[in-house]
């Protein structure tokens, strides 16, 4: 009798230990694949980092003569897995960017029309310079793509030109925050009526500041949610994995999003036991086709 009681108690204790261990593993897996940034929060100042803030602005350059006709498709593609130091590194964001880059090549974007910034090359100044380059190339009839995969963050109380107290941000490889309002200002002078923005980063649903006529903004999650790296089998962020599948099947932003959103949501819920609700802000008339 005593042996049976002892055996029963042992079984209960072992079962409890297994349950605690499983719970810990699931939580650990979810926390290690999130793209939330927990490092120092320093907002990038376009003229204040590595420059001369006291130096007067140069006069505008004269307009360039018309260039030879070219394919009027332009893109900036950014993927950061390797951040400064090692504690903030991610897994597959650089793979996300390479996949998007190769997709654009297949859709007729010349390599010379794409700025691909991977890992340590995607510093804050390099990202801003790439957007300025994009601005110098695009026109009314251009097709423009901006893609980012990496850490996302938030920042409170910074005047970046909008009315939000809490701003969403992307995080450069050298650990500067580039806020949604700063990106909005950078893209405010673009004349293209066909721009696609994609953000596979935490809090990216808050990038709705970038929406406008002729634009589609796709975000991996809501503005208070995390986005997640995928598995070794996927070799992508969860959202980008399904989004690229959708692009290859439908060749439109809307079709790709409709394909990816429920699959990414369900994958995160089932595998990480978290909530991730992809968002799309679409002010492009018709389908945004590549």
Protein backbone atom coordinates (compact mmCIF):
# COMPACT_ATOMS: atom_id res chain seq x y z
CA UNK A 1 0.00 0.00 0.00
CA UNK A 2 2.75 2.45 1.00
CA UNK A 3 4.69 1.56 -2.15
CA UNK A 4 1.64 2.34 -4.30
CA UNK A 5 1.15 5.69 -2.55
CA UNK A 6 4.83 6.51 -2.98
CA UNK A 7 4.73 5.51 -6.63
CA UNK A 8 1.63 7.65 -7.19
CA UNK A 9 3.28 10.68 -5.59
CA UNK A 10 6.36 10.21 -7.77
CA UNK A 11 4.23 10.11 -10.90
CA UNK A 12 2.45 13.34 -9.89
CA UNK A 13 5.74 15.11 -9.16
CA UNK A 14 7.28 13.99 -12.45
CA UNK A 15 4.18 15.11 -14.35
CA UNK A 16 4.37 18.53 -12.71
CA UNK A 17 8.05 18.87 -13.57
CA UNK A 18 7.34 17.96 -17.20
CA UNK A 19 4.54 20.51 -17.40
CA UNK A 20 6.76 23.27 -15.97
CA UNK A 21 9.57 22.33 -18.35
CA UNK A 22 7.30 22.36 -21.40
CA UNK A 23 5.88 25.72 -20.36
CA UNK A 24 9.38 27.12 -19.95
CA UNK A 25 10.53 25.81 -23.33
CA UNK A 26 7.52 27.27 -25.13
CA UNK A 27 8.04 30.64 -23.44
CA UNK A 28 11.76 30.58 -24.16
CA UNK A 29 11.16 29.76 -27.81
CA UNK A 30 8.70 32.64 -28.19
CA UNK A 31 11.02 35.11 -26.49
CA UNK A 32 14.12 34.13 -28.48
CA UNK A 33 12.45 34.51 -31.88
CA UNK A 34 10.71 37.82 -31.31
CA UNK A 35 11.99 40.80 -33.25
CA UNK A 36 11.47 43.18 -30.33
CA UNK A 37 14.50 45.34 -29.58
CA UNK A 38 15.55 45.68 -25.93
CA UNK A 39 18.77 47.62 -26.38
CA UNK A 40 19.61 51.31 -25.90
CA UNK A 41 17.07 53.65 -27.49
CA UNK A 42 18.83 56.43 -29.37
CA UNK A 43 16.94 58.22 -32.13
CA UNK A 44 18.99 58.82 -35.26
CA UNK A 45 19.48 62.51 -36.04
CA UNK A 46 20.03 62.96 -39.75
CA UNK A 47 22.50 65.85 -39.28
CA UNK A 48 23.59 65.16 -35.73
CA UNK A 49 25.46 61.86 -35.96
CA UNK A 50 28.87 61.88 -37.54
CA UNK A 51 28.23 65.19 -39.25
CA UNK A 52 28.49 68.96 -38.79
CA UNK A 53 25.18 70.27 -37.35
CA UNK A 54 26.56 73.84 -37.49
CA UNK A 55 27.41 73.62 -41.17
CA UNK A 56 24.95 75.58 -43.34
CA UNK A 57 22.91 73.73 -45.94
CA UNK A 58 24.36 73.73 -49.43
CA UNK A 59 22.37 75.45 -52.17
CA UNK A 60 20.24 73.05 -54.21
CA UNK A 61 21.99 71.41 -57.12
CA UNK A 62 20.86 72.32 -60.64
CA UNK A 63 18.55 69.71 -62.20
CA UNK A 64 20.30 66.89 -63.97
CA UNK A 65 19.83 66.45 -67.70
CA UNK A 66 17.40 63.68 -68.63
CA UNK A 67 19.01 60.27 -68.44
CA UNK A 68 18.70 57.57 -71.04
CA UNK A 69 15.42 55.68 -70.77
CA UNK A 70 15.61 52.92 -68.17
CA UNK A 71 13.35 50.52 -66.38
CA UNK A 72 11.40 52.79 -64.04
CA UNK A 73 11.39 50.42 -61.08
CA UNK A 74 13.33 51.28 -57.93
CA UNK A 75 13.76 49.63 -54.56
CA UNK A 76 15.50 49.75 -51.19
CA UNK A 77 15.66 46.34 -49.52
CA UNK A 78 16.97 46.01 -45.95
CA UNK A 79 17.52 42.92 -43.83
CA UNK A 80 19.43 42.95 -40.53
CA UNK A 81 20.25 39.81 -38.58
CA UNK A 82 23.75 40.83 -37.51
CA UNK A 83 23.55 43.89 -35.26
CA UNK A 84 26.39 45.69 -33.51
CA UNK A 85 27.59 43.42 -30.74
CA UNK A 86 25.95 40.02 -30.57
CA UNK A 87 23.16 40.23 -27.99
CA UNK A 88 20.66 41.78 -30.40
CA UNK A 89 21.22 39.45 -33.37
CA UNK A 90 18.31 37.80 -35.16
CA UNK A 91 18.15 34.72 -37.38
CA UNK A 92 16.60 35.19 -40.80
CA UNK A 93 16.05 38.89 -41.53
CA UNK A 94 18.94 38.97 -44.01
CA UNK A 95 17.37 35.94 -45.72
CA UNK A 96 14.07 37.84 -45.91
CA UNK A 97 15.83 40.67 -47.73
CA UNK A 98 17.68 38.35 -50.11
CA UNK A 99 14.42 36.64 -51.02
CA UNK A 100 12.74 39.97 -51.75
CA UNK A 101 15.78 41.14 -53.75
CA UNK A 102 15.73 38.00 -55.90
CA UNK A 103 11.98 38.32 -56.39
CA UNK A 104 12.37 41.90 -57.64
CA UNK A 105 15.13 40.84 -60.04
CA UNK A 106 12.78 38.20 -61.44
CA UNK A 107 10.12 40.91 -61.87
CA UNK A 108 12.35 43.05 -64.06
CA UNK A 109 14.06 45.31 -61.53
CA UNK A 110 17.64 45.85 -62.70
CA UNK A 111 20.21 45.14 -60.00
CA UNK A 112 21.45 48.72 -60.41
CA UNK A 113 17.96 49.94 -59.46
CA UNK A 114 17.99 48.17 -56.09
CA UNK A 115 19.87 49.21 -52.96
CA UNK A 116 20.35 46.02 -50.93
CA UNK A 117 21.50 46.69 -47.36
CA UNK A 118 22.32 43.60 -45.32
CA UNK A 119 23.41 43.23 -41.71
CA UNK A 120 26.25 45.57 -40.63
CA UNK A 121 25.99 47.57 -43.88
CA UNK A 122 22.51 48.72 -42.91
CA UNK A 123 23.63 51.55 -40.63
CA UNK A 124 21.27 54.42 -39.92
CA UNK A 125 23.14 56.75 -42.27
CA UNK A 126 23.18 54.08 -44.99
CA UNK A 127 19.42 53.61 -44.68
CA UNK A 128 18.77 57.36 -44.86
CA UNK A 129 21.17 57.71 -47.80
CA UNK A 130 19.42 54.86 -49.60
CA UNK A 131 16.05 56.59 -49.19
CA UNK A 132 17.59 59.82 -50.52
CA UNK A 133 18.96 57.85 -53.49
CA UNK A 134 15.51 56.40 -54.08
CA UNK A 135 14.05 59.91 -53.98
CA UNK A 136 16.54 61.09 -56.59
CA UNK A 137 15.55 58.31 -58.99
CA UNK A 138 11.78 58.01 -58.68
CA UNK A 139 9.18 60.01 -60.58
CA UNK A 140 5.43 60.24 -61.10
CA UNK A 141 5.23 56.95 -62.99
CA UNK A 142 7.85 54.99 -61.08
CA UNK A 143 7.24 51.72 -59.29
CA UNK A 144 8.87 51.99 -55.85
CA UNK A 145 9.49 49.35 -53.19
CA UNK A 146 10.76 49.79 -49.62
CA UNK A 147 11.29 46.55 -47.70
CA UNK A 148 12.60 46.17 -44.14
CA UNK A 149 13.11 43.11 -41.98
CA UNK A 150 14.78 43.44 -38.59
CA UNK A 151 14.20 44.72 -35.10
CA UNK A 152 11.35 47.05 -34.34
CA UNK A 153 11.06 49.31 -31.32
CA UNK A 154 9.12 52.22 -29.81
CA UNK A 155 10.10 55.58 -28.41
CA UNK A 156 8.10 57.93 -26.19
CA UNK A 157 7.95 61.71 -26.30
CA UNK A 158 10.08 62.48 -29.37
CA UNK A 159 8.88 65.18 -31.75
CA UNK A 160 9.23 63.47 -35.10
CA UNK A 161 6.59 65.56 -36.81
CA UNK A 162 3.47 63.60 -35.91
CA UNK A 163 1.05 63.84 -32.99
CA UNK A 164 1.81 60.45 -31.43
CA UNK A 165 3.42 60.26 -28.00
CA UNK A 166 4.64 56.72 -28.66
CA UNK A 167 6.36 56.31 -32.00
CA UNK A 168 7.23 53.08 -33.75
CA UNK A 169 10.69 52.62 -35.22
CA UNK A 170 12.98 50.42 -37.23
CA UNK A 171 16.42 49.71 -35.75
CA UNK A 172 19.59 50.14 -37.80
CA UNK A 173 22.56 47.78 -37.56
CA UNK A 174 24.45 50.37 -35.48
CA UNK A 175 21.52 50.48 -33.02
CA UNK A 176 19.85 53.77 -33.89
CA UNK A 177 16.08 54.15 -34.03
CA UNK A 178 14.56 55.59 -37.19
CA UNK A 179 11.05 56.65 -36.22
CA UNK A 180 7.88 56.33 -38.25
CA UNK A 181 7.56 60.13 -38.41
CA UNK A 182 11.12 60.43 -39.72
CA UNK A 183 10.35 57.90 -42.46
CA UNK A 184 7.14 59.77 -43.25
CA UNK A 185 9.08 63.01 -43.68
CA UNK A 186 11.65 61.30 -45.90
CA UNK A 187 8.98 59.88 -48.20
CA UNK A 188 6.80 63.01 -48.16
CA UNK A 189 8.53 64.46 -51.22
CA UNK A 190 8.16 61.35 -53.37
CA UNK A 191 5.97 61.89 -56.40
CA UNK A 192 5.43 58.24 -57.37
CA UNK A 193 1.84 57.05 -57.30
CA UNK A 194 2.87 53.44 -56.86
CA UNK A 195 4.84 52.73 -53.66
CA UNK A 196 4.90 49.50 -51.66
CA UNK A 197 6.19 49.45 -48.06
CA UNK A 198 6.75 46.17 -46.23
CA UNK A 199 7.89 45.89 -42.61
CA UNK A 200 8.60 42.56 -40.96
CA UNK A 201 9.43 43.96 -37.53
CA UNK A 202 7.85 44.32 -34.12
CA UNK A 203 5.26 47.10 -33.67
CA UNK A 204 5.23 47.56 -37.46
CA UNK A 205 1.47 48.08 -37.54
CA UNK A 206 2.30 51.60 -36.37
CA UNK A 207 3.96 52.36 -39.69
CA UNK A 208 0.56 53.49 -40.99
CA UNK A 209 2.02 57.03 -40.89
CA UNK A 210 3.47 56.20 -44.31
CA UNK A 211 0.15 55.57 -46.00
CA UNK A 212 -1.06 57.90 -48.71
CA UNK A 213 -2.46 58.04 -52.20
CA UNK A 214 -0.99 55.32 -54.41
CA UNK A 215 0.68 53.56 -51.47
CA UNK A 216 0.32 50.20 -49.77
CA UNK A 217 1.84 49.64 -46.33
CA UNK A 218 2.16 46.02 -45.21
CA UNK A 219 3.13 45.18 -41.63
CA UNK A 220 3.83 41.81 -40.04
CA UNK A 221 1.93 42.64 -36.84
CA UNK A 222 -0.17 45.20 -35.00
CA UNK A 223 1.40 48.33 -33.53
CA UNK A 224 1.54 46.83 -30.02
CA UNK A 225 2.55 43.32 -31.11
CA UNK A 226 5.76 41.44 -31.84
CA UNK A 227 6.76 39.82 -35.10
CA UNK A 228 8.74 36.61 -35.07
CA UNK A 229 11.60 34.82 -36.74
CA UNK A 230 10.61 31.51 -38.27
CA UNK A 231 12.05 28.04 -37.95
CA UNK A 232 15.15 26.47 -39.47
CA UNK A 233 12.85 24.82 -42.00
CA UNK A 234 11.37 28.19 -43.04
CA UNK A 235 14.65 30.16 -43.12
CA UNK A 236 12.62 33.38 -42.96
CA UNK A 237 10.69 35.55 -40.61
CA UNK A 238 7.27 33.98 -40.12
CA UNK A 239 5.40 36.70 -41.99
CA UNK A 240 7.93 37.03 -44.82
CA UNK A 241 7.91 33.25 -45.33
CA UNK A 242 4.21 33.26 -46.15
CA UNK A 243 4.30 36.66 -47.85
CA UNK A 244 6.93 35.51 -50.35
CA UNK A 245 4.84 32.42 -51.03
CA UNK A 246 1.92 34.74 -51.75
CA UNK A 247 3.96 36.99 -54.02
CA UNK A 248 5.19 34.02 -56.03
CA UNK A 249 1.61 32.79 -56.40
CA UNK A 250 -0.27 36.04 -57.02
CA UNK A 251 2.33 38.73 -57.91
CA UNK A 252 0.32 41.43 -56.14
CA UNK A 253 0.71 42.97 -52.71
CA UNK A 254 -2.96 42.43 -51.93
CA UNK A 255 -2.94 38.79 -53.04
CA UNK A 256 0.25 38.07 -51.12
CA UNK A 257 -1.12 39.69 -47.97
CA UNK A 258 -4.43 37.82 -48.17
CA UNK A 259 -2.44 34.60 -48.46
CA UNK A 260 0.10 35.37 -45.73
CA UNK A 261 -1.94 37.06 -42.99
CA UNK A 262 -4.01 34.09 -41.74
CA UNK A 263 -1.16 31.59 -42.17
CA UNK A 264 1.33 33.75 -40.26
CA UNK A 265 -1.22 34.45 -37.54
CA UNK A 266 -2.00 30.76 -37.09
CA UNK A 267 1.65 29.70 -37.14
CA UNK A 268 2.57 32.10 -34.34
CA UNK A 269 -0.49 31.13 -32.31
CA UNK A 270 0.17 27.40 -32.64
CA UNK A 271 3.95 27.38 -32.30
CA UNK A 272 4.75 30.36 -30.06
CA UNK A 273 1.37 30.74 -28.31
CA UNK A 274 1.38 34.47 -29.08
CA UNK A 275 -0.81 36.87 -31.05
CA UNK A 276 0.44 38.32 -34.35
CA UNK A 277 -2.06 40.09 -36.58
CA UNK A 278 -0.55 41.32 -39.88
CA UNK A 279 -1.85 44.68 -41.11
CA UNK A 280 -2.30 46.30 -44.51
CA UNK A 281 -3.09 49.96 -45.24
CA UNK A 282 -4.01 50.16 -48.90
CA UNK A 283 -4.62 53.42 -50.76
CA UNK A 284 -3.60 52.14 -54.16
CA UNK A 285 -6.38 51.94 -56.72
CA UNK A 286 -6.77 48.36 -57.93
CA UNK A 287 -4.19 45.68 -57.23
CA UNK A 288 -0.56 46.69 -56.63
CA UNK A 289 1.06 44.34 -59.17
CA UNK A 290 4.79 43.83 -59.65
